[in-house]
PDB file of N, CA and C in Angstrom:
ATOM      1  N   MET A   1     -18.749  -4.472 -10.230  1.00  0.00           N
ATOM      2  CA  MET A   1     -18.319  -5.038 -11.270  1.00  0.00           C
ATOM      3  C   MET A   1     -16.883  -5.654 -10.992  1.00  0.00           C
ATOM      4  N   TYR A   2     -15.975  -5.024 -10.479  1.00  0.00           N
ATOM      5  CA  TYR A   2     -14.719  -5.591 -10.211  1.00  0.00           C
ATOM      6  C   TYR A   2     -14.671  -6.158  -8.537  1.00  0.00           C
ATOM      7  N   ASP A   3     -15.835  -6.302  -8.073  1.00  0.00           N
ATOM      8  CA  ASP A   3     -15.740  -6.870  -6.548  1.00  0.00           C
ATOM      9  C   ASP A   3     -14.984  -8.032  -6.384  1.00  0.00           C
ATOM     10  N   HIS A   4     -15.000  -9.093  -7.194  1.00  0.00           N
ATOM     11  CA  HIS A   4     -14.213 -10.277  -7.012  1.00  0.00           C
ATOM     12  C   HIS A   4     -12.604  -9.873  -7.048  1.00  0.00           C
ATOM     13  N   ILE A   5     -12.317  -9.186  -8.051  1.00  0.00           N
ATOM     14  CA  ILE A   5     -10.843  -8.746  -8.150  1.00  0.00           C
ATOM     15  C   ILE A   5     -10.478  -7.922  -6.774  1.00  0.00           C
ATOM     16  N   LEU A   6     -11.293  -6.952  -6.259  1.00  0.00           N
ATOM     17  CA  LEU A   6     -10.855  -6.258  -5.158  1.00  0.00           C
ATOM     18  C   LEU A   6     -10.848  -7.121  -3.780  1.00  0.00           C
ATOM     19  N   HIS A   7     -11.695  -8.298  -3.846  1.00  0.00           N
ATOM     20  CA  HIS A   7     -11.863  -9.176  -2.604  1.00  0.00           C
ATOM     21  C   HIS A   7     -10.433 -10.119  -2.625  1.00  0.00           C
ATOM     22  N   GLN A   8     -10.116 -10.545  -3.861  1.00  0.00           N
ATOM     23  CA  GLN A   8      -8.795 -11.187  -4.026  1.00  0.00           C
ATOM     24  C   GLN A   8      -7.563 -10.483  -3.590  1.00  0.00           C
ATOM     25  N   MET A   9      -7.604  -9.311  -4.154  1.00  0.00           N
ATOM     26  CA  MET A   9      -6.356  -8.265  -3.727  1.00  0.00           C
ATOM     27  C   MET A   9      -6.500  -8.180  -2.287  1.00  0.00           C
ATOM     28  N   ARG A  10      -7.465  -7.778  -1.623  1.00  0.00           N
ATOM     29  CA  ARG A  10      -7.721  -7.691  -0.235  1.00  0.00           C
ATOM     30  C   ARG A  10      -7.191  -8.812   0.481  1.00  0.00           C
ATOM     31  N   ASP A  11      -7.591 -10.106   0.094  1.00  0.00           N
ATOM     32  CA  ASP A  11      -7.153 -11.252   0.688  1.00  0.00           C
ATOM     33  C   ASP A  11      -5.625 -11.352   0.658  1.00  0.00           C
ATOM     34  N   LYS A  12      -5.041 -11.134  -0.387  1.00  0.00           N
ATOM     35  CA  LYS A  12      -3.523 -11.216  -0.841  1.00  0.00           C
ATOM     36  C   LYS A  12      -3.027 -10.041   0.097  1.00  0.00           C
ATOM     37  N   ILE A  13      -3.460  -8.956   0.249  1.00  0.00           N
ATOM     38  CA  ILE A  13      -2.927  -7.806   1.249  1.00  0.00           C
ATOM     39  C   ILE A  13      -2.885  -8.471   2.543  1.00  0.00           C
ATOM     40  N   ARG A  14      -3.945  -9.050   3.055  1.00  0.00           N
ATOM     41  CA  ARG A  14      -3.883  -9.624   4.378  1.00  0.00           C
ATOM     42  C   ARG A  14      -3.042 -10.589   4.733  1.00  0.00           C
ATOM     43  N   ALA A  15      -2.696 -11.414   3.644  1.00  0.00           N
ATOM     44  CA  ALA A  15      -1.808 -12.582   3.563  1.00  0.00           C
ATOM     45  C   ALA A  15      -0.293 -12.179   3.347  1.00  0.00           C
ATOM     46  N   ASN A  16      -0.125 -10.945   3.038  1.00  0.00           N
ATOM     47  CA  ASN A  16       1.275 -10.405   2.695  1.00  0.00           C
ATOM     48  C   ASN A  16       1.857 -10.989   1.385  1.00  0.00           C
ATOM     49  N   GLU A  17       0.922 -11.231   0.572  1.00  0.00           N
ATOM     50  CA  GLU A  17       1.163 -11.863  -0.926  1.00  0.00           C
ATOM     51  C   GLU A  17       0.938 -10.727  -2.007  1.00  0.00           C
ATOM     52  N   TYR A  18       0.577  -9.636  -1.522  1.00  0.00           N
ATOM     53  CA  TYR A  18       0.345  -8.772  -2.696  1.00  0.00           C
ATOM     54  C   TYR A  18       1.757  -8.153  -3.276  1.00  0.00           C
ATOM     55  N   ILE A  19       1.709  -8.227  -4.596  1.00  0.00           N
ATOM     56  CA  ILE A  19       2.891  -7.664  -5.263  1.00  0.00           C
ATOM     57  C   ILE A  19       2.191  -6.421  -6.201  1.00  0.00           C
ATOM     58  N   VAL A  20       3.000  -5.376  -6.469  1.00  0.00           N
ATOM     59  CA  VAL A  20       2.687  -4.411  -7.289  1.00  0.00           C
ATOM     60  C   VAL A  20       2.755  -4.620  -8.733  1.00  0.00           C
ATOM     61  N   PRO A  21       1.512  -4.844  -9.305  1.00  0.00           N
ATOM     62  CA  PRO A  21       1.744  -5.497 -10.709  1.00  0.00           C
ATOM     63  C   PRO A  21       2.214  -4.314 -11.664  1.00  0.00           C
ATOM     64  N   ASP A  22       1.919  -2.977 -11.440  1.00  0.00           N
ATOM     65  CA  ASP A  22       2.289  -2.010 -12.509  1.00  0.00           C
ATOM     66  C   ASP A  22       3.572  -1.190 -12.537  1.00  0.00           C
ATOM     67  N   HIS A  23       4.463  -1.922 -11.800  1.00  0.00           N
ATOM     68  CA  HIS A  23       5.713  -1.417 -11.589  1.00  0.00           C
ATOM     69  C   HIS A  23       6.851  -2.068 -12.102  1.00  0.00           C
ATOM     70  N   PRO A  24       7.812  -1.453 -12.844  1.00  0.00           N
ATOM     71  CA  PRO A  24       8.961  -2.158 -13.482  1.00  0.00           C
ATOM     72  C   PRO A  24       9.884  -2.769 -12.530  1.00  0.00           C
ATOM     73  N   THR A  25      10.095  -3.979 -12.728  1.00  0.00           N
ATOM     74  CA  THR A  25      11.017  -4.783 -11.840  1.00  0.00           C
ATOM     75  C   THR A  25      11.988  -5.374 -12.530  1.00  0.00           C
ATOM     76  N   ARG A  26      13.081  -5.850 -11.786  1.00  0.00           N
ATOM     77  CA  ARG A  26      14.284  -6.569 -12.452  1.00  0.00           C
ATOM     78  C   ARG A  26      13.845  -8.102 -12.373  1.00  0.00           C
ATOM     79  N   THR A  27      14.658  -8.838 -13.020  1.00  0.00           N
ATOM     80  CA  THR A  27      14.597 -10.210 -12.740  1.00  0.00           C
ATOM     81  C   THR A  27      15.882 -10.672 -12.264  1.00  0.00           C
ATOM     82  N   GLY A  28      15.896 -11.955 -11.882  1.00  0.00           N
ATOM     83  CA  GLY A  28      17.134 -12.602 -11.354  1.00  0.00           C
ATOM     84  C   GLY A  28      17.228 -12.680  -9.856  1.00  0.00           C
ATOM     85  N   PRO A  29      18.340 -12.841  -9.168  1.00  0.00           N
ATOM     86  CA  PRO A  29      18.493 -13.239  -7.905  1.00  0.00           C
ATOM     87  C   PRO A  29      17.920 -12.093  -6.960  1.00  0.00           C
ATOM     88  N   GLU A  30      17.747 -10.768  -7.467  1.00  0.00           N
ATOM     89  CA  GLU A  30      17.334  -9.705  -6.693  1.00  0.00           C
ATOM     90  C   GLU A  30      16.007  -8.915  -7.253  1.00  0.00           C
ATOM     91  N   SER A  31      15.347 -10.017  -7.592  1.00  0.00           N
ATOM     92  CA  SER A  31      13.995  -9.802  -8.285  1.00  0.00           C
ATOM     93  C   SER A  31      12.888  -8.844  -7.358  1.00  0.00           C
ATOM     94  N   ASN A  32      13.195  -8.633  -6.420  1.00  0.00           N
ATOM     95  CA  ASN A  32      12.356  -7.735  -5.352  1.00  0.00           C
ATOM     96  C   ASN A  32      12.790  -6.340  -5.678  1.00  0.00           C
ATOM     97  N   LEU A  33      13.785  -6.107  -6.256  1.00  0.00           N
ATOM     98  CA  LEU A  33      14.284  -4.791  -6.490  1.00  0.00           C
ATOM     99  C   LEU A  33      13.615  -4.084  -7.714  1.00  0.00           C
ATOM    100  N   MET A  34      13.289  -2.638  -7.686  1.00  0.00           N
ATOM    101  CA  MET A  34      12.493  -2.193  -8.724  1.00  0.00           C
ATOM    102  C   MET A  34      13.336  -0.997  -9.159  1.00  0.00           C
ATOM    103  N   ILE A  35      12.762  -0.209 -10.252  1.00  0.00           N
ATOM    104  CA  ILE A  35      13.380   1.068 -10.754  1.00  0.00           C
ATOM    105  C   ILE A  35      12.566   2.070 -10.174  1.00  0.00           C
ATOM    106  N   CYS A  36      13.117   2.993  -9.576  1.00  0.00           N
ATOM    107  CA  CYS A  36      12.451   4.080  -8.763  1.00  0.00           C
ATOM    108  C   CYS A  36      11.730   5.086  -9.721  1.00  0.00           C
ATOM    109  N   ASP A  37      10.554   5.439  -9.462  1.00  0.00           N
ATOM    110  CA  ASP A  37       9.891   6.261 -10.597  1.00  0.00           C
ATOM    111  C   ASP A  37      10.363   7.741 -10.314  1.00  0.00           C
ATOM    112  N   TYR A  38      10.967   8.037  -9.264  1.00  0.00           N
ATOM    113  CA  TYR A  38      11.462   9.516  -9.011  1.00  0.00           C
ATOM    114  C   TYR A  38      12.853   9.763  -9.702  1.00  0.00           C
ATOM    115  N   CYS A  39      13.695   8.873  -9.232  1.00  0.00           N
ATOM    116  CA  CYS A  39      15.155   9.124  -9.786  1.00  0.00           C
ATOM    117  C   CYS A  39      15.734   8.200 -10.843  1.00  0.00           C
ATOM    118  N   GLY A  40      14.857   7.092 -11.247  1.00  0.00           N
ATOM    119  CA  GLY A  40      15.135   6.073 -12.122  1.00  0.00           C
ATOM    120  C   GLY A  40      16.262   5.202 -11.858  1.00  0.00           C
ATOM    121  N   LYS A  41      16.763   5.157 -10.730  1.00  0.00           N
ATOM    122  CA  LYS A  41      17.887   4.147 -10.359  1.00  0.00           C
ATOM    123  C   LYS A  41      17.272   2.766  -9.786  1.00  0.00           C
ATOM    124  N   ASP A  42      18.093   1.942 -10.018  1.00  0.00           N
ATOM    125  CA  ASP A  42      17.763   0.394  -9.533  1.00  0.00           C
ATOM    126  C   ASP A  42      17.837   0.274  -7.945  1.00  0.00           C
ATOM    127  N   GLY A  43      17.096  -0.500  -7.381  1.00  0.00           N
ATOM    128  CA  GLY A  43      17.188  -0.587  -5.878  1.00  0.00           C
ATOM    129  C   GLY A  43      16.058  -0.267  -5.133  1.00  0.00           C
ATOM    130  N   ALA A  44      14.999   0.263  -5.709  1.00  0.00           N
ATOM    131  CA  ALA A  44      13.882   0.556  -4.959  1.00  0.00           C
ATOM    132  C   ALA A  44      13.306  -0.775  -4.504  1.00  0.00           C
ATOM    133  N   LYS A  45      12.535  -0.680  -3.169  1.00  0.00           N
ATOM    134  CA  LYS A  45      12.128  -2.038  -2.601  1.00  0.00           C
ATOM    135  C   LYS A  45      10.691  -1.822  -2.310  1.00  0.00           C
ATOM    136  N   LEU A  46       9.845  -2.871  -2.322  1.00  0.00           N
ATOM    137  CA  LEU A  46       8.422  -2.845  -1.820  1.00  0.00           C
ATOM    138  C   LEU A  46       8.447  -3.155  -0.338  1.00  0.00           C
ATOM    139  N   ARG A  47       7.832  -2.026   0.341  1.00  0.00           N
ATOM    140  CA  ARG A  47       7.619  -2.184   1.690  1.00  0.00           C
ATOM    141  C   ARG A  47       5.932  -2.172   2.172  1.00  0.00           C
ATOM    142  N   TYR A  48       5.693  -2.394   3.146  1.00  0.00           N
ATOM    143  CA  TYR A  48       4.197  -2.401   3.617  1.00  0.00           C
ATOM    144  C   TYR A  48       4.138  -1.265   4.745  1.00  0.00           C
ATOM    145  N   LYS A  49       3.091  -0.499   4.710  1.00  0.00           N
ATOM    146  CA  LYS A  49       2.885   0.654   5.770  1.00  0.00           C
ATOM    147  C   LYS A  49       1.289   0.569   6.181  1.00  0.00           C
ATOM    148  N   THR A  50       1.072   1.429   7.295  1.00  0.00           N
ATOM    149  CA  THR A  50      -0.249   1.461   7.742  1.00  0.00           C
ATOM    150  C   THR A  50      -0.732   2.930   7.286  1.00  0.00           C
ATOM    151  N   GLN A  51      -1.625   2.995   6.613  1.00  0.00           N
ATOM    152  CA  GLN A  51      -2.111   4.304   5.947  1.00  0.00           C
ATOM    153  C   GLN A  51      -3.128   5.022   6.712  1.00  0.00           C
ATOM    154  N   VAL A  52      -3.193   6.076   7.257  1.00  0.00           N
ATOM    155  CA  VAL A  52      -4.215   6.769   8.063  1.00  0.00           C
ATOM    156  C   VAL A  52      -5.152   7.304   6.862  1.00  0.00           C
ATOM    157  N   CYS A  53      -6.568   7.017   7.016  1.00  0.00           N
ATOM    158  CA  CYS A  53      -7.476   7.609   6.029  1.00  0.00           C
ATOM    159  C   CYS A  53      -8.571   8.334   6.586  1.00  0.00           C
ATOM    160  N   GLY A  54      -9.366   9.060   5.928  1.00  0.00           N
ATOM    161  CA  GLY A  54     -10.655   9.651   6.447  1.00  0.00           C
ATOM    162  C   GLY A  54     -10.538  11.206   6.903  1.00  0.00           C
ATOM    163  N   PRO A  55     -11.683  11.655   7.127  1.00  0.00           N
ATOM    164  CA  PRO A  55     -11.832  13.005   7.557  1.00  0.00           C
ATOM    165  C   PRO A  55     -11.370  13.110   9.106  1.00  0.00           C
ATOM    166  N   LYS A  56     -11.083  14.336   9.642  1.00  0.00           N
ATOM    167  CA  LYS A  56     -10.464  14.651  10.874  1.00  0.00           C
ATOM    168  C   LYS A  56     -11.240  13.781  11.970  1.00  0.00           C
ATOM    169  N   ASN A  57     -12.362  13.928  12.190  1.00  0.00           N
ATOM    170  CA  ASN A  57     -13.211  13.151  13.053  1.00  0.00           C
ATOM    171  C   ASN A  57     -13.667  11.777  12.977  1.00  0.00           C
ATOM    172  N   ASP A  58     -13.251  11.235  11.774  1.00  0.00           N
ATOM    173  CA  ASP A  58     -13.624   9.841  11.365  1.00  0.00           C
ATOM    174  C   ASP A  58     -12.513   8.949  10.966  1.00  0.00           C
ATOM    175  N   LYS A  59     -11.218   9.204  11.334  1.00  0.00           N
ATOM    176  CA  LYS A  59     -10.168   8.469  10.941  1.00  0.00           C
ATOM    177  C   LYS A  59     -10.305   6.948  11.050  1.00  0.00           C
ATOM    178  N   PHE A  60      -9.555   6.320  10.082  1.00  0.00           N
ATOM    179  CA  PHE A  60      -9.512   4.846  10.299  1.00  0.00           C
ATOM    180  C   PHE A  60      -8.007   4.412   9.589  1.00  0.00           C
ATOM    181  N   LEU A  61      -7.636   3.228   9.897  1.00  0.00           N
ATOM    182  CA  LEU A  61      -6.406   2.714   9.375  1.00  0.00           C
ATOM    183  C   LEU A  61      -6.485   1.761   8.376  1.00  0.00           C
ATOM    184  N   VAL A  62      -5.789   1.810   7.339  1.00  0.00           N
ATOM    185  CA  VAL A  62      -5.653   0.638   6.343  1.00  0.00           C
ATOM    186  C   VAL A  62      -4.248   0.185   6.424  1.00  0.00           C
ATOM    187  N   ASP A  63      -4.186  -1.112   6.933  1.00  0.00           N
ATOM    188  CA  ASP A  63      -2.976  -1.836   7.277  1.00  0.00           C
ATOM    189  C   ASP A  63      -2.477  -2.549   6.050  1.00  0.00           C
ATOM    190  N   LYS A  64      -1.071  -2.769   5.998  1.00  0.00           N
ATOM    191  CA  LYS A  64      -0.181  -3.578   4.850  1.00  0.00           C
ATOM    192  C   LYS A  64      -0.547  -2.905   3.597  1.00  0.00           C
ATOM    193  N   VAL A  65      -0.519  -1.537   3.405  1.00  0.00           N
ATOM    194  CA  VAL A  65      -0.455  -0.928   2.246  1.00  0.00           C
ATOM    195  C   VAL A  65       0.884  -1.099   1.394  1.00  0.00           C
ATOM    196  N   PRO A  66       0.944  -1.623   0.416  1.00  0.00           N
ATOM    197  CA  PRO A  66       2.341  -1.682  -0.399  1.00  0.00           C
ATOM    198  C   PRO A  66       2.833  -0.445  -0.848  1.00  0.00           C
ATOM    199  N   VAL A  67       4.032  -0.101  -0.547  1.00  0.00           N
ATOM    200  CA  VAL A  67       4.600   1.213  -1.025  1.00  0.00           C
ATOM    201  C   VAL A  67       5.953   0.821  -1.636  1.00  0.00           C
ATOM    202  N   VAL A  68       6.589   1.846  -2.540  1.00  0.00           N
ATOM    203  CA  VAL A  68       8.058   1.654  -2.965  1.00  0.00           C
ATOM    204  C   VAL A  68       8.789   2.539  -2.262  1.00  0.00           C
ATOM    205  N   ARG A  69       9.971   1.963  -1.865  1.00  0.00           N
ATOM    206  CA  ARG A  69      10.845   2.946  -0.922  1.00  0.00           C
ATOM    207  C   ARG A  69      12.246   2.966  -1.799  1.00  0.00           C
ATOM    208  N   CYS A  70      12.766   4.157  -2.174  1.00  0.00           N
ATOM    209  CA  CYS A  70      14.067   4.089  -2.947  1.00  0.00           C
ATOM    210  C   CYS A  70      15.282   4.641  -1.890  1.00  0.00           C
ATOM    211  N   PRO A  71      16.227   3.682  -1.729  1.00  0.00           N
ATOM    212  CA  PRO A  71      17.436   4.049  -0.886  1.00  0.00           C
ATOM    213  C   PRO A  71      18.258   4.975  -1.464  1.00  0.00           C
ATOM    214  N   HIS A  72      17.942   5.546  -2.722  1.00  0.00           N
ATOM    215  CA  HIS A  72      18.970   6.625  -3.356  1.00  0.00           C
ATOM    216  C   HIS A  72      18.213   7.832  -3.244  1.00  0.00           C
ATOM    217  N   CYS A  73      16.959   8.097  -3.512  1.00  0.00           N
ATOM    218  CA  CYS A  73      16.532   9.554  -3.301  1.00  0.00           C
ATOM    219  C   CYS A  73      15.454   9.518  -2.132  1.00  0.00           C
ATOM    220  N   HIS A  74      15.308   8.560  -1.483  1.00  0.00           N
ATOM    221  CA  HIS A  74      14.649   8.327  -0.275  1.00  0.00           C
ATOM    222  C   HIS A  74      13.236   8.665  -0.317  1.00  0.00           C
ATOM    223  N   GLN A  75      12.609   8.625  -1.653  1.00  0.00           N
ATOM    224  CA  GLN A  75      11.253   8.659  -1.804  1.00  0.00           C
ATOM    225  C   GLN A  75      10.493   7.569  -1.349  1.00  0.00           C
ATOM    226  N   THR A  76       9.394   7.534  -0.815  1.00  0.00           N
ATOM    227  CA  THR A  76       8.345   6.535  -0.400  1.00  0.00           C
ATOM    228  C   THR A  76       7.226   6.819  -1.178  1.00  0.00           C
ATOM    229  N   TYR A  77       6.576   6.039  -2.210  1.00  0.00           N
ATOM    230  CA  TYR A  77       5.408   6.355  -3.025  1.00  0.00           C
ATOM    231  C   TYR A  77       4.615   4.984  -3.234  1.00  0.00           C
ATOM    232  N   MET A  78       3.408   5.230  -3.603  1.00  0.00           N
ATOM    233  CA  MET A  78       2.550   4.256  -3.941  1.00  0.00           C
ATOM    234  C   MET A  78       2.405   4.199  -5.578  1.00  0.00           C
ATOM    235  N   THR A  79       2.178   3.124  -6.103  1.00  0.00           N
ATOM    236  CA  THR A  79       1.988   3.128  -7.495  1.00  0.00           C
ATOM    237  C   THR A  79       0.635   3.513  -7.745  1.00  0.00           C
ATOM    238  N   ALA A  80       0.194   3.758  -8.964  1.00  0.00           N
ATOM    239  CA  ALA A  80      -1.166   4.224  -9.391  1.00  0.00           C
ATOM    240  C   ALA A  80      -2.148   2.998  -8.959  1.00  0.00           C
ATOM    241  N   GLN A  81      -1.732   1.776  -9.287  1.00  0.00           N
ATOM    242  CA  GLN A  81      -2.684   0.600  -9.088  1.00  0.00           C
ATOM    243  C   GLN A  81      -2.951   0.536  -7.624  1.00  0.00           C
ATOM    244  N   THR A  82      -1.853   0.705  -6.757  1.00  0.00           N
ATOM    245  CA  THR A  82      -2.032   0.744  -5.332  1.00  0.00           C
ATOM    246  C   THR A  82      -2.869   1.789  -4.794  1.00  0.00           C
ATOM    247  N   ALA A  83      -2.832   2.853  -5.274  1.00  0.00           N
ATOM    248  CA  ALA A  83      -3.703   4.093  -4.966  1.00  0.00           C
ATOM    249  C   ALA A  83      -5.074   3.786  -5.256  1.00  0.00           C
ATOM    250  N   LYS A  84      -5.377   3.268  -6.491  1.00  0.00           N
ATOM    251  CA  LYS A  84      -6.617   3.043  -6.995  1.00  0.00           C
ATOM    252  C   LYS A  84      -7.427   1.822  -5.913  1.00  0.00           C
ATOM    253  N   THR A  85      -6.501   0.727  -5.753  1.00  0.00           N
ATOM    254  CA  THR A  85      -6.951  -0.202  -4.789  1.00  0.00           C
ATOM    255  C   THR A  85      -7.420   0.255  -3.362  1.00  0.00           C
ATOM    256  N   LEU A  86      -6.401   1.105  -2.826  1.00  0.00           N
ATOM    257  CA  LEU A  86      -6.831   1.797  -1.657  1.00  0.00           C
ATOM    258  C   LEU A  86      -7.786   2.574  -1.573  1.00  0.00           C
ATOM    259  N   ASP A  87      -8.295   3.392  -2.754  1.00  0.00           N
ATOM    260  CA  ASP A  87      -9.450   4.128  -2.697  1.00  0.00           C
ATOM    261  C   ASP A  87     -10.662   3.269  -2.779  1.00  0.00           C
ATOM    262  N   GLN A  88     -10.663   2.129  -3.539  1.00  0.00           N
ATOM    263  CA  GLN A  88     -11.687   1.290  -3.597  1.00  0.00           C
ATOM    264  C   GLN A  88     -11.869   0.500  -2.002  1.00  0.00           C
ATOM    265  N   LEU A  89     -10.630   0.219  -1.368  1.00  0.00           N
ATOM    266  CA  LEU A  89     -10.955  -0.310   0.105  1.00  0.00           C
ATOM    267  C   LEU A  89     -11.641   0.627   0.962  1.00  0.00           C
ATOM    268  N   VAL A  90     -11.222   1.982   0.748  1.00  0.00           N
ATOM    269  CA  VAL A  90     -11.747   2.972   1.759  1.00  0.00           C
ATOM    270  C   VAL A  90     -13.304   3.190   1.249  1.00  0.00           C
ATOM    271  N   GLN A  91     -13.599   3.096   0.188  1.00  0.00           N
ATOM    272  CA  GLN A  91     -14.997   3.045  -0.243  1.00  0.00           C
ATOM    273  C   GLN A  91     -15.907   1.985   0.502  1.00  0.00           C
ATOM    274  N   GLN A  92     -15.270   0.836   0.634  1.00  0.00           N
ATOM    275  CA  GLN A  92     -15.879  -0.337   1.208  1.00  0.00           C
ATOM    276  C   GLN A  92     -15.503  -0.401   2.716  1.00  0.00           C
ATOM    277  N   ARG A  93     -15.302   0.513   3.254  1.00  0.00           N
ATOM    278  CA  ARG A  93     -14.740   0.746   4.510  1.00  0.00           C
ATOM    279  C   ARG A  93     -15.605  -0.030   5.626  1.00  0.00           C
ATOM    280  N   ARG A  94     -16.919   0.147   5.417  1.00  0.00           N
ATOM    281  CA  ARG A  94     -17.982  -0.399   6.416  1.00  0.00           C
ATOM    282  C   ARG A  94     -18.072  -1.879   6.259  1.00  0.00           C
ATOM    283  N   GLU A  95     -17.801  -2.477   5.178  1.00  0.00           N
ATOM    284  CA  GLU A  95     -18.025  -3.743   4.891  1.00  0.00           C
ATOM    285  C   GLU A  95     -16.691  -4.621   5.308  1.00  0.00           C
ATOM    286  N   LEU A  96     -15.526  -3.949   5.180  1.00  0.00           N
ATOM    287  CA  LEU A  96     -14.252  -4.571   5.266  1.00  0.00           C
ATOM    288  C   LEU A  96     -13.529  -4.343   6.719  1.00  0.00           C
ATOM    289  N   ALA A  97     -14.049  -3.206   7.384  1.00  0.00           N
ATOM    290  CA  ALA A  97     -13.276  -3.025   8.574  1.00  0.00           C
ATOM    291  C   ALA A  97     -13.586  -4.116   9.835  1.00  0.00           C
ATOM    292  N   ARG A  98     -12.622  -4.251  10.587  1.00  0.00           N
ATOM    293  CA  ARG A  98     -12.790  -4.937  11.928  1.00  0.00           C
ATOM    294  C   ARG A  98     -12.545  -3.864  12.881  1.00  0.00           C
ATOM    295  N   PRO A  99     -13.528  -3.660  13.806  1.00  0.00           N
ATOM    296  CA  PRO A  99     -13.223  -2.713  14.840  1.00  0.00           C
ATOM    297  C   PRO A  99     -12.128  -3.084  15.734  1.00  0.00           C
ATOM    298  N   GLN A 100     -11.152  -2.080  16.158  1.00  0.00           N
ATOM    299  CA  GLN A 100     -10.294  -2.346  17.321  1.00  0.00           C
ATOM    300  C   GLN A 100     -10.022  -0.984  17.964  1.00  0.00           C
ATOM    301  N   THR A 101      -9.546  -1.143  19.144  1.00  0.00           N
ATOM    302  CA  THR A 101      -9.262   0.208  20.128  1.00  0.00           C
ATOM    303  C   THR A 101      -7.839   0.578  19.610  1.00  0.00           C
ATOM    304  N   LEU A 102      -7.690   1.835  19.578  1.00  0.00           N
ATOM    305  CA  LEU A 102      -6.457   2.344  19.357  1.00  0.00           C
ATOM    306  C   LEU A 102      -6.251   3.685  20.302  1.00  0.00           C
ATOM    307  N   ASP A 103      -4.992   3.617  20.994  1.00  0.00           N
ATOM    308  CA  ASP A 103      -4.679   4.761  21.848  1.00  0.00           C
ATOM    309  C   ASP A 103      -4.163   5.817  21.107  1.00  0.00           C
ATOM    310  N   VAL A 104      -4.399   7.074  21.203  1.00  0.00           N
ATOM    311  CA  VAL A 104      -4.061   8.323  20.562  1.00  0.00           C
ATOM    312  C   VAL A 104      -3.221   9.175  21.449  1.00  0.00           C
ATOM    313  N   ILE A 105      -2.112   9.662  20.955  1.00  0.00           N
ATOM    314  CA  ILE A 105      -1.439  10.633  21.805  1.00  0.00           C
ATOM    315  C   ILE A 105      -1.144  12.018  21.004  1.00  0.00           C
ATOM    316  N   GLU A 106      -1.180  13.119  21.478  1.00  0.00           N
ATOM    317  CA  GLU A 106      -1.207  14.361  20.480  1.00  0.00           C
ATOM    318  C   GLU A 106       0.383  14.790  20.793  1.00  0.00           C
ATOM    319  N   PHE A 107       1.189  15.029  19.593  1.00  0.00           N
ATOM    320  CA  PHE A 107       2.599  15.311  19.790  1.00  0.00           C
ATOM    321  C   PHE A 107       2.810  16.616  20.695  1.00  0.00           C
ATOM    322  N   ALA A 108       1.869  17.717  20.367  1.00  0.00           N
ATOM    323  CA  ALA A 108       2.155  19.064  20.909  1.00  0.00           C
ATOM    324  C   ALA A 108       0.904  19.456  21.765  1.00  0.00           C
TER     325      ALA A 108
END
């Protein structure tokens, strides 16, 4: 039903053009700054990270996941819309994934 929207969002994420639509932002010269959902202060910024998903023996990576990072309370979090999109991308893993090799090192 929402496949075309999901594919558009996936393409924007891959092109680094995705913005978080459900998050309060400021306007003006510093329009990339947001209000933190945890502490309520101005200055949170949109960043991109790689998210590890899947069960223990079947892990995979989702690259360029947008997250909000607050410099005041140091929280990093996803918006509800981003989490929902991530869940949909994970469900379509087999169609969207491109296989790559990854070296793994155990810490302890």
